[in-house]
Amino acid sequence: MRKFREALADLHAIRGQIARGTQFRGYGPASLTASGLLALTVAAIEARWTDDRTRDVWAFLVTWLATAVVAAIFTGGETIRRTQRMHTGFAKEMMHSAAEQIIPAFVTGFLLTTVLARFAPHNLWMLPGLWQLIFSLGIFASCRFLPRPMFIVGAWYLSAGLVCLAVGDGARALSPWEMGIPFGIGQLLFASVLQISYRSVDA
């Protein structure tokens, strides 16, 4: 019985190693495109109904956290379906490997938001830039099992985050376009890289 358990553990380790060395094809261009368009749409609506005098930090946080949840739901749904279809027999291991790379970034972003809101609300204007920097780290961490051009997407989010931190204080603080443009373009770029890569592999 002990040898049987050891054999199962070895098999599980081997499957996990294979999954970590295989290009992940679970992320879907359709849901990523939709999430990019959602970010641009939310930014346009928010910009239409608010101005520099009426911006409220808590409304900003609720709006964009809700947007992130909606985007994560339909992106996650497509990812699960694609992984089961594209990685038959290794779906569980591939999902686990992908989650290992991206979930720490999401958890860090949530904890950072919580700490700033609780202990340093005067610094909440930095959140758009910080969120983009954290998201870029998640993408860079995932690059080893995604198409090589994906580093361009990480570089976009890194650059956008730094720009937001550099110019986002004062009258520009918490502008909806600080979220809409970086995440809208970033997700559309993400989807484009995947679409081109998938076509080249399937050709």
N, C-alpha and C. Protein backbone atom coordinates (compact mmCIF):
# COMPACT_ATOMS: atom_id res chain seq x y z
N MET A 1 0.83 -1.21 0.00
CA MET A 1 0.00 0.00 0.00
C MET A 1 0.87 1.25 0.00
N ARG A 2 1.94 1.19 0.79
CA ARG A 2 2.84 2.34 0.86
C ARG A 2 3.49 2.60 -0.50
N LYS A 3 3.93 1.49 -1.16
CA LYS A 3 4.55 1.65 -2.48
C LYS A 3 3.54 2.18 -3.49
N PHE A 4 2.29 1.77 -3.34
CA PHE A 4 1.25 2.26 -4.24
C PHE A 4 1.06 3.76 -4.09
N ARG A 5 1.03 4.25 -2.84
CA ARG A 5 0.89 5.69 -2.59
C ARG A 5 2.10 6.45 -3.12
N GLU A 6 3.28 5.87 -2.94
CA GLU A 6 4.49 6.53 -3.45
C GLU A 6 4.47 6.60 -4.97
N ALA A 7 3.97 5.53 -5.60
CA ALA A 7 3.87 5.52 -7.06
C ALA A 7 2.89 6.58 -7.54
N LEU A 8 1.77 6.73 -6.83
CA LEU A 8 0.79 7.76 -7.18
C LEU A 8 1.38 9.16 -7.02
N ALA A 9 2.15 9.35 -5.94
CA ALA A 9 2.78 10.65 -5.70
C ALA A 9 3.79 10.95 -6.81
N ASP A 10 4.56 9.95 -7.20
CA ASP A 10 5.53 10.14 -8.28
C ASP A 10 4.82 10.48 -9.59
N LEU A 11 3.72 9.76 -9.86
CA LEU A 11 2.96 10.03 -11.07
C LEU A 11 2.40 11.44 -11.07
N HIS A 12 1.88 11.87 -9.92
CA HIS A 12 1.35 13.23 -9.80
C HIS A 12 2.44 14.26 -10.03
N ALA A 13 3.63 14.00 -9.48
CA ALA A 13 4.75 14.93 -9.66
C ALA A 13 5.17 15.01 -11.13
N ILE A 14 5.18 13.86 -11.79
CA ILE A 14 5.56 13.84 -13.20
C ILE A 14 4.56 14.60 -14.05
N ARG A 15 3.27 14.38 -13.76
CA ARG A 15 2.23 15.09 -14.51
C ARG A 15 2.33 16.60 -14.28
N GLY A 16 2.62 16.99 -13.03
CA GLY A 16 2.78 18.41 -12.74
C GLY A 16 3.97 19.01 -13.48
N GLN A 17 5.07 18.24 -13.56
CA GLN A 17 6.25 18.72 -14.26
C GLN A 17 5.98 18.87 -15.75
N ILE A 18 5.25 17.92 -16.32
CA ILE A 18 4.89 18.01 -17.73
C ILE A 18 4.01 19.23 -17.98
N ALA A 19 3.06 19.46 -17.08
CA ALA A 19 2.16 20.61 -17.22
C ALA A 19 2.94 21.92 -17.17
N ARG A 20 3.92 22.01 -16.27
CA ARG A 20 4.69 23.25 -16.15
C ARG A 20 5.59 23.49 -17.35
N GLY A 21 5.88 22.43 -18.10
CA GLY A 21 6.72 22.59 -19.29
C GLY A 21 5.94 22.67 -20.59
N THR A 22 4.61 22.68 -20.51
CA THR A 22 3.75 22.72 -21.69
C THR A 22 3.14 24.10 -21.84
N GLN A 23 3.08 24.60 -23.07
CA GLN A 23 2.47 25.91 -23.30
C GLN A 23 0.98 25.84 -22.96
N PHE A 24 0.55 26.76 -22.14
CA PHE A 24 -0.85 26.81 -21.71
C PHE A 24 -1.70 27.45 -22.78
N ARG A 25 -2.76 26.74 -23.20
CA ARG A 25 -3.64 27.24 -24.25
C ARG A 25 -5.07 27.44 -23.71
N GLY A 26 -5.17 27.62 -22.41
CA GLY A 26 -6.48 27.76 -21.80
C GLY A 26 -7.06 29.16 -21.87
N TYR A 27 -6.20 30.19 -21.88
CA TYR A 27 -6.72 31.55 -21.95
C TYR A 27 -7.38 31.79 -23.30
N GLY A 28 -8.59 32.35 -23.27
CA GLY A 28 -9.35 32.53 -24.50
C GLY A 28 -9.34 33.96 -25.01
N PRO A 29 -9.01 34.18 -26.28
CA PRO A 29 -9.01 35.53 -26.84
C PRO A 29 -10.37 36.23 -26.74
N ALA A 30 -11.45 35.47 -26.86
CA ALA A 30 -12.79 36.09 -26.85
C ALA A 30 -13.09 36.78 -25.53
N SER A 31 -12.86 36.08 -24.42
CA SER A 31 -13.16 36.67 -23.11
C SER A 31 -12.19 37.79 -22.77
N LEU A 32 -10.93 37.67 -23.21
CA LEU A 32 -9.97 38.74 -22.96
C LEU A 32 -10.33 39.99 -23.76
N THR A 33 -10.79 39.80 -24.99
CA THR A 33 -11.26 40.93 -25.78
C THR A 33 -12.45 41.59 -25.10
N ALA A 34 -13.38 40.77 -24.62
CA ALA A 34 -14.56 41.31 -23.93
C ALA A 34 -14.17 42.08 -22.69
N SER A 35 -13.18 41.58 -21.94
CA SER A 35 -12.76 42.29 -20.72
C SER A 35 -12.11 43.62 -21.06
N GLY A 36 -11.35 43.67 -22.16
CA GLY A 36 -10.76 44.94 -22.59
C GLY A 36 -11.81 45.95 -22.99
N LEU A 37 -12.80 45.50 -23.75
CA LEU A 37 -13.90 46.38 -24.16
C LEU A 37 -14.72 46.83 -22.95
N LEU A 38 -14.87 45.93 -21.98
CA LEU A 38 -15.59 46.28 -20.75
C LEU A 38 -14.87 47.41 -20.01
N ALA A 39 -13.55 47.30 -19.90
CA ALA A 39 -12.77 48.34 -19.20
C ALA A 39 -12.92 49.69 -19.90
N LEU A 40 -12.87 49.71 -21.22
CA LEU A 40 -13.02 50.96 -21.96
C LEU A 40 -14.43 51.52 -21.82
N THR A 41 -15.42 50.63 -21.82
CA THR A 41 -16.81 51.08 -21.69
C THR A 41 -17.08 51.67 -20.31
N VAL A 42 -16.59 50.98 -19.27
CA VAL A 42 -16.78 51.49 -17.90
C VAL A 42 -16.09 52.84 -17.74
N ALA A 43 -14.90 52.98 -18.29
CA ALA A 43 -14.18 54.25 -18.19
C ALA A 43 -14.95 55.36 -18.89
N ALA A 44 -15.51 55.07 -20.07
CA ALA A 44 -16.26 56.09 -20.80
C ALA A 44 -17.51 56.52 -20.04
N ILE A 45 -18.22 55.54 -19.46
CA ILE A 45 -19.42 55.86 -18.68
C ILE A 45 -19.07 56.67 -17.45
N GLU A 46 -18.00 56.23 -16.75
CA GLU A 46 -17.60 56.95 -15.54
C GLU A 46 -17.14 58.37 -15.86
N ALA A 47 -16.41 58.52 -16.96
CA ALA A 47 -15.94 59.85 -17.36
C ALA A 47 -17.11 60.75 -17.74
N ARG A 48 -18.15 60.14 -18.29
CA ARG A 48 -19.33 60.92 -18.71
C ARG A 48 -20.11 61.46 -17.52
N TRP A 49 -20.15 60.69 -16.42
CA TRP A 49 -21.01 61.05 -15.29
C TRP A 49 -20.27 61.66 -14.12
N THR A 50 -18.94 61.76 -14.21
CA THR A 50 -18.19 62.38 -13.11
C THR A 50 -17.22 63.40 -13.68
N ASP A 51 -16.76 64.30 -12.84
CA ASP A 51 -15.72 65.24 -13.23
C ASP A 51 -14.76 65.40 -12.06
N ASP A 52 -13.78 66.30 -12.22
CA ASP A 52 -12.76 66.45 -11.19
C ASP A 52 -13.35 66.85 -9.85
N ARG A 53 -14.48 67.52 -9.84
CA ARG A 53 -15.05 68.02 -8.59
C ARG A 53 -15.89 66.96 -7.88
N THR A 54 -16.39 65.98 -8.66
CA THR A 54 -17.32 65.02 -8.06
C THR A 54 -16.72 63.63 -7.91
N ARG A 55 -15.43 63.46 -8.20
CA ARG A 55 -14.81 62.16 -8.06
C ARG A 55 -14.80 61.71 -6.61
N ASP A 56 -15.18 60.47 -6.40
CA ASP A 56 -15.21 59.92 -5.06
C ASP A 56 -14.38 58.65 -5.05
N VAL A 57 -13.42 58.57 -4.13
CA VAL A 57 -12.48 57.45 -4.13
C VAL A 57 -13.18 56.13 -3.89
N TRP A 58 -14.20 56.12 -3.02
CA TRP A 58 -14.88 54.85 -2.72
C TRP A 58 -15.75 54.40 -3.89
N ALA A 59 -16.37 55.34 -4.57
CA ALA A 59 -17.12 54.98 -5.77
C ALA A 59 -16.18 54.44 -6.85
N PHE A 60 -15.02 55.04 -6.96
CA PHE A 60 -14.01 54.58 -7.92
C PHE A 60 -13.61 53.15 -7.62
N LEU A 61 -13.31 52.87 -6.34
CA LEU A 61 -12.90 51.52 -5.94
C LEU A 61 -13.99 50.49 -6.21
N VAL A 62 -15.22 50.82 -5.80
CA VAL A 62 -16.32 49.88 -5.98
C VAL A 62 -16.54 49.61 -7.48
N THR A 63 -16.50 50.67 -8.28
CA THR A 63 -16.72 50.52 -9.72
C THR A 63 -15.71 49.59 -10.35
N TRP A 64 -14.44 49.81 -10.04
CA TRP A 64 -13.40 49.04 -10.73
C TRP A 64 -13.20 47.66 -10.12
N LEU A 65 -13.46 47.51 -8.85
CA LEU A 65 -13.41 46.16 -8.27
C LEU A 65 -14.55 45.31 -8.83
N ALA A 66 -15.73 45.92 -8.98
CA ALA A 66 -16.85 45.19 -9.57
C ALA A 66 -16.56 44.84 -11.03
N THR A 67 -15.94 45.77 -11.75
CA THR A 67 -15.56 45.50 -13.14
C THR A 67 -14.57 44.33 -13.21
N ALA A 68 -13.60 44.32 -12.28
CA ALA A 68 -12.61 43.24 -12.26
C ALA A 68 -13.27 41.89 -11.97
N VAL A 69 -14.24 41.89 -11.07
CA VAL A 69 -14.94 40.64 -10.73
C VAL A 69 -15.71 40.12 -11.94
N VAL A 70 -16.42 41.00 -12.62
CA VAL A 70 -17.19 40.59 -13.80
C VAL A 70 -16.25 40.03 -14.87
N ALA A 71 -15.15 40.76 -15.12
CA ALA A 71 -14.19 40.30 -16.12
C ALA A 71 -13.59 38.95 -15.73
N ALA A 72 -13.29 38.78 -14.45
CA ALA A 72 -12.70 37.52 -13.99
C ALA A 72 -13.67 36.36 -14.13
N ILE A 73 -14.96 36.63 -13.95
CA ILE A 73 -15.95 35.55 -14.05
C ILE A 73 -16.02 35.00 -15.47
N PHE A 74 -16.19 35.88 -16.47
CA PHE A 74 -16.31 35.30 -17.81
C PHE A 74 -14.98 34.91 -18.40
N THR A 75 -13.87 35.52 -17.96
CA THR A 75 -12.56 35.06 -18.40
C THR A 75 -12.24 33.70 -17.79
N GLY A 76 -12.55 33.56 -16.49
CA GLY A 76 -12.32 32.28 -15.83
C GLY A 76 -13.16 31.17 -16.41
N GLY A 77 -14.42 31.49 -16.76
CA GLY A 77 -15.29 30.48 -17.34
C GLY A 77 -14.75 29.96 -18.66
N GLU A 78 -14.30 30.88 -19.52
CA GLU A 78 -13.75 30.44 -20.81
C GLU A 78 -12.45 29.69 -20.62
N THR A 79 -11.64 30.12 -19.65
CA THR A 79 -10.37 29.44 -19.40
C THR A 79 -10.59 27.99 -18.98
N ILE A 80 -11.56 27.76 -18.10
CA ILE A 80 -11.85 26.39 -17.66
C ILE A 80 -12.32 25.54 -18.83
N ARG A 81 -13.22 26.07 -19.64
CA ARG A 81 -13.74 25.31 -20.78
C ARG A 81 -12.64 25.00 -21.80
N ARG A 82 -11.82 26.01 -22.10
CA ARG A 82 -10.75 25.80 -23.08
C ARG A 82 -9.71 24.81 -22.55
N THR A 83 -9.38 24.92 -21.28
CA THR A 83 -8.37 24.02 -20.72
C THR A 83 -8.84 22.57 -20.79
N GLN A 84 -10.10 22.34 -20.48
CA GLN A 84 -10.63 20.98 -20.55
C GLN A 84 -10.63 20.46 -21.98
N ARG A 85 -10.81 21.35 -22.94
CA ARG A 85 -10.83 20.93 -24.34
C ARG A 85 -9.43 20.82 -24.96
N MET A 86 -8.55 21.77 -24.62
CA MET A 86 -7.23 21.82 -25.25
C MET A 86 -6.20 20.94 -24.56
N HIS A 87 -6.40 20.68 -23.28
CA HIS A 87 -5.41 19.89 -22.52
C HIS A 87 -6.07 18.65 -21.93
N THR A 88 -6.68 17.86 -22.78
CA THR A 88 -7.38 16.66 -22.35
C THR A 88 -6.43 15.74 -21.57
N GLY A 89 -6.85 15.35 -20.39
CA GLY A 89 -6.04 14.47 -19.56
C GLY A 89 -5.10 15.22 -18.63
N PHE A 90 -4.81 16.50 -18.94
CA PHE A 90 -3.92 17.30 -18.11
C PHE A 90 -4.58 18.61 -17.68
N ALA A 91 -5.89 18.69 -17.82
CA ALA A 91 -6.59 19.95 -17.53
C ALA A 91 -6.36 20.41 -16.10
N LYS A 92 -6.48 19.50 -15.15
CA LYS A 92 -6.32 19.87 -13.74
C LYS A 92 -4.93 20.39 -13.47
N GLU A 93 -3.91 19.70 -13.98
CA GLU A 93 -2.53 20.12 -13.76
C GLU A 93 -2.22 21.44 -14.46
N MET A 94 -2.77 21.63 -15.65
CA MET A 94 -2.52 22.87 -16.37
C MET A 94 -3.18 24.06 -15.68
N MET A 95 -4.40 23.87 -15.17
CA MET A 95 -5.07 24.93 -14.44
C MET A 95 -4.31 25.27 -13.17
N HIS A 96 -3.82 24.25 -12.48
CA HIS A 96 -3.06 24.48 -11.25
C HIS A 96 -1.78 25.24 -11.54
N SER A 97 -1.10 24.87 -12.62
CA SER A 97 0.14 25.55 -12.99
C SER A 97 -0.11 27.01 -13.34
N ALA A 98 -1.21 27.28 -14.08
CA ALA A 98 -1.54 28.66 -14.44
C ALA A 98 -1.90 29.47 -13.20
N ALA A 99 -2.67 28.86 -12.30
CA ALA A 99 -3.09 29.57 -11.08
C ALA A 99 -1.88 29.92 -10.21
N GLU A 100 -0.89 29.05 -10.17
CA GLU A 100 0.31 29.32 -9.37
C GLU A 100 1.00 30.61 -9.78
N GLN A 101 0.89 30.96 -11.05
CA GLN A 101 1.59 32.14 -11.56
C GLN A 101 0.79 33.42 -11.35
N ILE A 102 -0.53 33.35 -11.55
CA ILE A 102 -1.32 34.58 -11.59
C ILE A 102 -2.01 34.92 -10.29
N ILE A 103 -2.40 33.91 -9.51
CA ILE A 103 -3.16 34.18 -8.28
C ILE A 103 -2.37 35.02 -7.27
N PRO A 104 -1.06 34.79 -7.07
CA PRO A 104 -0.33 35.66 -6.13
C PRO A 104 -0.44 37.14 -6.46
N ALA A 105 -0.49 37.47 -7.75
CA ALA A 105 -0.63 38.88 -8.14
C ALA A 105 -2.00 39.41 -7.72
N PHE A 106 -3.06 38.62 -7.92
CA PHE A 106 -4.40 39.06 -7.53
C PHE A 106 -4.52 39.22 -6.02
N VAL A 107 -3.95 38.27 -5.28
CA VAL A 107 -4.00 38.35 -3.82
C VAL A 107 -3.23 39.57 -3.33
N THR A 108 -2.06 39.81 -3.92
CA THR A 108 -1.26 40.98 -3.53
C THR A 108 -2.02 42.27 -3.81
N GLY A 109 -2.67 42.35 -4.96
CA GLY A 109 -3.44 43.55 -5.29
C GLY A 109 -4.58 43.78 -4.31
N PHE A 110 -5.27 42.71 -3.93
CA PHE A 110 -6.37 42.84 -2.98
C PHE A 110 -5.86 43.30 -1.61
N LEU A 111 -4.78 42.68 -1.14
CA LEU A 111 -4.24 43.04 0.18
C LEU A 111 -3.70 44.47 0.18
N LEU A 112 -3.03 44.86 -0.90
CA LEU A 112 -2.52 46.23 -1.00
C LEU A 112 -3.65 47.24 -0.96
N THR A 113 -4.72 46.95 -1.68
CA THR A 113 -5.89 47.84 -1.69
C THR A 113 -6.48 47.96 -0.29
N THR A 114 -6.60 46.83 0.39
CA THR A 114 -7.16 46.82 1.74
C THR A 114 -6.32 47.64 2.71
N VAL A 115 -5.00 47.46 2.64
CA VAL A 115 -4.10 48.18 3.56
C VAL A 115 -4.14 49.68 3.29
N LEU A 116 -4.08 50.07 2.03
CA LEU A 116 -4.12 51.50 1.72
C LEU A 116 -5.44 52.12 2.14
N ALA A 117 -6.54 51.43 1.88
CA ALA A 117 -7.86 51.96 2.25
C ALA A 117 -7.99 52.11 3.75
N ARG A 118 -7.38 51.19 4.49
CA ARG A 118 -7.52 51.19 5.96
C ARG A 118 -6.54 52.13 6.64
N PHE A 119 -5.30 52.16 6.17
CA PHE A 119 -4.26 52.87 6.90
C PHE A 119 -3.68 54.09 6.19
N ALA A 120 -3.86 54.18 4.87
CA ALA A 120 -3.28 55.32 4.14
C ALA A 120 -4.21 55.77 3.02
N PRO A 121 -5.45 56.16 3.35
CA PRO A 121 -6.41 56.54 2.30
C PRO A 121 -5.95 57.72 1.46
N HIS A 122 -5.04 58.56 2.00
CA HIS A 122 -4.55 59.70 1.22
C HIS A 122 -3.66 59.24 0.06
N ASN A 123 -3.25 57.98 0.07
CA ASN A 123 -2.42 57.45 -1.01
C ASN A 123 -3.21 56.58 -1.99
N LEU A 124 -4.53 56.56 -1.88
CA LEU A 124 -5.32 55.71 -2.75
C LEU A 124 -5.23 56.13 -4.22
N TRP A 125 -4.83 57.37 -4.49
CA TRP A 125 -4.67 57.81 -5.88
C TRP A 125 -3.64 56.96 -6.62
N MET A 126 -2.77 56.28 -5.88
CA MET A 126 -1.73 55.47 -6.49
C MET A 126 -2.24 54.11 -6.98
N LEU A 127 -3.44 53.73 -6.58
CA LEU A 127 -3.91 52.37 -6.86
C LEU A 127 -3.94 51.99 -8.35
N PRO A 128 -4.43 52.85 -9.26
CA PRO A 128 -4.41 52.42 -10.67
C PRO A 128 -3.02 52.01 -11.14
N GLY A 129 -2.03 52.82 -10.83
CA GLY A 129 -0.66 52.49 -11.23
C GLY A 129 -0.14 51.24 -10.53
N LEU A 130 -0.44 51.10 -9.25
CA LEU A 130 0.02 49.93 -8.51
C LEU A 130 -0.66 48.66 -9.01
N TRP A 131 -1.95 48.74 -9.31
CA TRP A 131 -2.65 47.56 -9.86
C TRP A 131 -2.01 47.12 -11.17
N GLN A 132 -1.68 48.08 -12.02
CA GLN A 132 -1.07 47.74 -13.30
C GLN A 132 0.32 47.13 -13.12
N LEU A 133 1.09 47.65 -12.18
CA LEU A 133 2.42 47.08 -11.91
C LEU A 133 2.30 45.64 -11.41
N ILE A 134 1.35 45.41 -10.51
CA ILE A 134 1.16 44.07 -9.96
C ILE A 134 0.69 43.11 -11.06
N PHE A 135 -0.21 43.58 -11.92
CA PHE A 135 -0.71 42.73 -13.01
C PHE A 135 0.42 42.39 -13.97
N SER A 136 1.32 43.35 -14.20
CA SER A 136 2.46 43.08 -15.08
C SER A 136 3.34 41.98 -14.50
N LEU A 137 3.51 41.96 -13.19
CA LEU A 137 4.32 40.91 -12.56
C LEU A 137 3.67 39.54 -12.74
N GLY A 138 2.33 39.49 -12.65
CA GLY A 138 1.63 38.23 -12.89
C GLY A 138 1.82 37.73 -14.31
N ILE A 139 1.79 38.66 -15.27
CA ILE A 139 2.00 38.27 -16.67
C ILE A 139 3.43 37.83 -16.91
N PHE A 140 4.39 38.56 -16.36
CA PHE A 140 5.78 38.16 -16.52
C PHE A 140 6.02 36.78 -15.92
N ALA A 141 5.39 36.51 -14.77
CA ALA A 141 5.55 35.20 -14.13
C ALA A 141 4.95 34.09 -14.99
N SER A 142 3.93 34.43 -15.80
CA SER A 142 3.26 33.44 -16.63
C SER A 142 3.92 33.26 -17.99
N CYS A 143 4.87 34.12 -18.32
CA CYS A 143 5.44 34.10 -19.67
C CYS A 143 6.11 32.78 -20.03
N ARG A 144 6.58 32.05 -19.04
CA ARG A 144 7.33 30.83 -19.35
C ARG A 144 6.46 29.76 -19.98
N PHE A 145 5.14 29.81 -19.79
CA PHE A 145 4.30 28.81 -20.44
C PHE A 145 3.24 29.45 -21.34
N LEU A 146 3.48 30.72 -21.73
CA LEU A 146 2.63 31.41 -22.70
C LEU A 146 3.48 31.75 -23.93
N PRO A 147 2.86 32.15 -25.02
CA PRO A 147 3.64 32.51 -26.22
C PRO A 147 4.69 33.57 -25.91
N ARG A 148 5.83 33.49 -26.56
CA ARG A 148 6.94 34.40 -26.27
C ARG A 148 6.59 35.88 -26.37
N PRO A 149 5.79 36.30 -27.36
CA PRO A 149 5.45 37.73 -27.44
C PRO A 149 4.66 38.25 -26.25
N MET A 150 4.26 37.37 -25.33
CA MET A 150 3.46 37.82 -24.20
C MET A 150 4.24 38.81 -23.32
N PHE A 151 5.57 38.82 -23.41
CA PHE A 151 6.33 39.78 -22.61
C PHE A 151 5.98 41.21 -23.01
N ILE A 152 5.49 41.40 -24.25
CA ILE A 152 5.07 42.73 -24.69
C ILE A 152 3.89 43.21 -23.85
N VAL A 153 2.97 42.29 -23.55
CA VAL A 153 1.81 42.64 -22.73
C VAL A 153 2.27 43.03 -21.33
N GLY A 154 3.18 42.24 -20.76
CA GLY A 154 3.72 42.59 -19.44
C GLY A 154 4.41 43.94 -19.46
N ALA A 155 5.16 44.22 -20.53
CA ALA A 155 5.86 45.50 -20.64
C ALA A 155 4.87 46.65 -20.76
N TRP A 156 3.74 46.41 -21.45
CA TRP A 156 2.71 47.45 -21.56
C TRP A 156 2.16 47.81 -20.19
N TYR A 157 1.78 46.80 -19.41
CA TYR A 157 1.23 47.08 -18.09
C TYR A 157 2.27 47.72 -17.17
N LEU A 158 3.50 47.30 -17.27
CA LEU A 158 4.57 47.90 -16.47
C LEU A 158 4.73 49.37 -16.81
N SER A 159 4.80 49.68 -18.10
CA SER A 159 4.96 51.06 -18.54
C SER A 159 3.76 51.92 -18.16
N ALA A 160 2.56 51.36 -18.37
CA ALA A 160 1.34 52.12 -18.04
C ALA A 160 1.27 52.40 -16.55
N GLY A 161 1.64 51.43 -15.73
CA GLY A 161 1.62 51.64 -14.28
C GLY A 161 2.57 52.72 -13.84
N LEU A 162 3.76 52.72 -14.41
CA LEU A 162 4.75 53.75 -14.05
C LEU A 162 4.29 55.14 -14.49
N VAL A 163 3.67 55.21 -15.67
CA VAL A 163 3.16 56.50 -16.15
C VAL A 163 2.05 57.01 -15.23
N CYS A 164 1.15 56.12 -14.82
CA CYS A 164 0.07 56.53 -13.92
C CYS A 164 0.60 57.05 -12.60
N LEU A 165 1.63 56.40 -12.07
CA LEU A 165 2.21 56.86 -10.81
C LEU A 165 2.92 58.20 -10.99
N ALA A 166 3.50 58.41 -12.17
CA ALA A 166 4.25 59.64 -12.42
C ALA A 166 3.35 60.85 -12.60
N VAL A 167 2.19 60.65 -13.23
CA VAL A 167 1.35 61.81 -13.58
C VAL A 167 -0.04 61.76 -12.96
N GLY A 168 -0.30 60.75 -12.13
CA GLY A 168 -1.67 60.54 -11.66
C GLY A 168 -2.08 61.30 -10.42
N ASP A 169 -1.21 62.10 -9.84
CA ASP A 169 -1.56 62.84 -8.63
C ASP A 169 -2.27 64.14 -9.02
N GLY A 170 -2.78 64.82 -8.02
CA GLY A 170 -3.41 66.12 -8.24
C GLY A 170 -4.72 66.03 -8.98
N ALA A 171 -4.90 66.90 -9.98
CA ALA A 171 -6.18 66.98 -10.70
C ALA A 171 -6.48 65.71 -11.49
N ARG A 172 -5.44 64.96 -11.84
CA ARG A 172 -5.65 63.73 -12.63
C ARG A 172 -5.95 62.52 -11.75
N ALA A 173 -5.90 62.68 -10.44
CA ALA A 173 -6.05 61.54 -9.54
C ALA A 173 -7.36 60.80 -9.76
N LEU A 174 -7.27 59.48 -9.86
CA LEU A 174 -8.42 58.59 -10.00
C LEU A 174 -9.26 58.89 -11.23
N SER A 175 -8.60 59.33 -12.29
CA SER A 175 -9.30 59.48 -13.55
C SER A 175 -9.72 58.10 -14.05
N PRO A 176 -10.94 57.95 -14.54
CA PRO A 176 -11.37 56.63 -15.05
C PRO A 176 -10.50 56.13 -16.19
N TRP A 177 -9.87 57.06 -16.93
CA TRP A 177 -9.03 56.64 -18.04
C TRP A 177 -7.71 56.06 -17.58
N GLU A 178 -7.33 56.31 -16.31
CA GLU A 178 -6.15 55.65 -15.76
C GLU A 178 -6.35 54.15 -15.65
N MET A 179 -7.59 53.72 -15.59
CA MET A 179 -7.91 52.30 -15.58
C MET A 179 -8.35 51.83 -16.97
N GLY A 180 -9.21 52.60 -17.61
CA GLY A 180 -9.78 52.17 -18.87
C GLY A 180 -8.77 51.97 -19.98
N ILE A 181 -7.88 52.95 -20.16
CA ILE A 181 -6.92 52.84 -21.26
C ILE A 181 -5.89 51.74 -21.02
N PRO A 182 -5.21 51.70 -19.86
CA PRO A 182 -4.22 50.63 -19.66
C PRO A 182 -4.82 49.23 -19.73
N PHE A 183 -5.93 49.00 -19.03
CA PHE A 183 -6.50 47.66 -19.02
C PHE A 183 -7.26 47.35 -20.31
N GLY A 184 -7.88 48.35 -20.91
CA GLY A 184 -8.55 48.11 -22.17
C GLY A 184 -7.57 47.70 -23.26
N ILE A 185 -6.55 48.51 -23.46
CA ILE A 185 -5.54 48.19 -24.47
C ILE A 185 -4.77 46.94 -24.09
N GLY A 186 -4.44 46.80 -22.81
CA GLY A 186 -3.67 45.65 -22.36
C GLY A 186 -4.37 44.33 -22.62
N GLN A 187 -5.67 44.27 -22.32
CA GLN A 187 -6.41 43.03 -22.54
C GLN A 187 -6.62 42.75 -24.02
N LEU A 188 -6.82 43.78 -24.82
CA LEU A 188 -6.94 43.59 -26.26
C LEU A 188 -5.61 43.11 -26.84
N LEU A 189 -4.51 43.64 -26.33
CA LEU A 189 -3.18 43.20 -26.76
C LEU A 189 -2.95 41.75 -26.35
N PHE A 190 -3.34 41.41 -25.13
CA PHE A 190 -3.25 40.04 -24.63
C PHE A 190 -4.00 39.08 -25.58
N ALA A 191 -5.23 39.45 -25.92
CA ALA A 191 -6.04 38.61 -26.80
C ALA A 191 -5.41 38.48 -28.18
N SER A 192 -4.84 39.56 -28.69
CA SER A 192 -4.23 39.53 -30.02
C SER A 192 -3.03 38.60 -30.06
N VAL A 193 -2.19 38.68 -29.03
CA VAL A 193 -1.01 37.80 -28.97
C VAL A 193 -1.44 36.34 -28.95
N LEU A 194 -2.45 36.03 -28.15
CA LEU A 194 -2.93 34.65 -28.09
C LEU A 194 -3.53 34.20 -29.42
N GLN A 195 -4.33 35.06 -30.03
CA GLN A 195 -4.99 34.70 -31.29
C GLN A 195 -3.95 34.40 -32.36
N ILE A 196 -2.95 35.24 -32.49
CA ILE A 196 -1.90 35.03 -33.49
C ILE A 196 -1.13 33.75 -33.20
N SER A 197 -0.83 33.54 -31.93
CA SER A 197 -0.07 32.33 -31.54
C SER A 197 -0.87 31.07 -31.81
N TYR A 198 -2.15 31.06 -31.45
CA TYR A 198 -2.98 29.89 -31.65
C TYR A 198 -3.12 29.57 -33.14
N ARG A 199 -3.26 30.60 -33.96
CA ARG A 199 -3.39 30.36 -35.40
C ARG A 199 -2.12 29.75 -35.98
N SER A 200 -0.95 30.25 -35.53
CA SER A 200 0.31 29.73 -36.04
C SER A 200 0.53 28.28 -35.63
N VAL A 201 0.09 27.93 -34.42
CA VAL A 201 0.24 26.55 -33.95
C VAL A 201 -0.70 25.61 -34.68
N ASP A 202 -1.93 26.09 -34.92
CA ASP A 202 -2.94 25.24 -35.56
C ASP A 202 -2.78 25.15 -37.07
N ALA A 203 -2.00 26.09 -37.63
CA ALA A 203 -1.83 26.10 -39.10
C ALA A 203 -1.08 24.86 -39.59
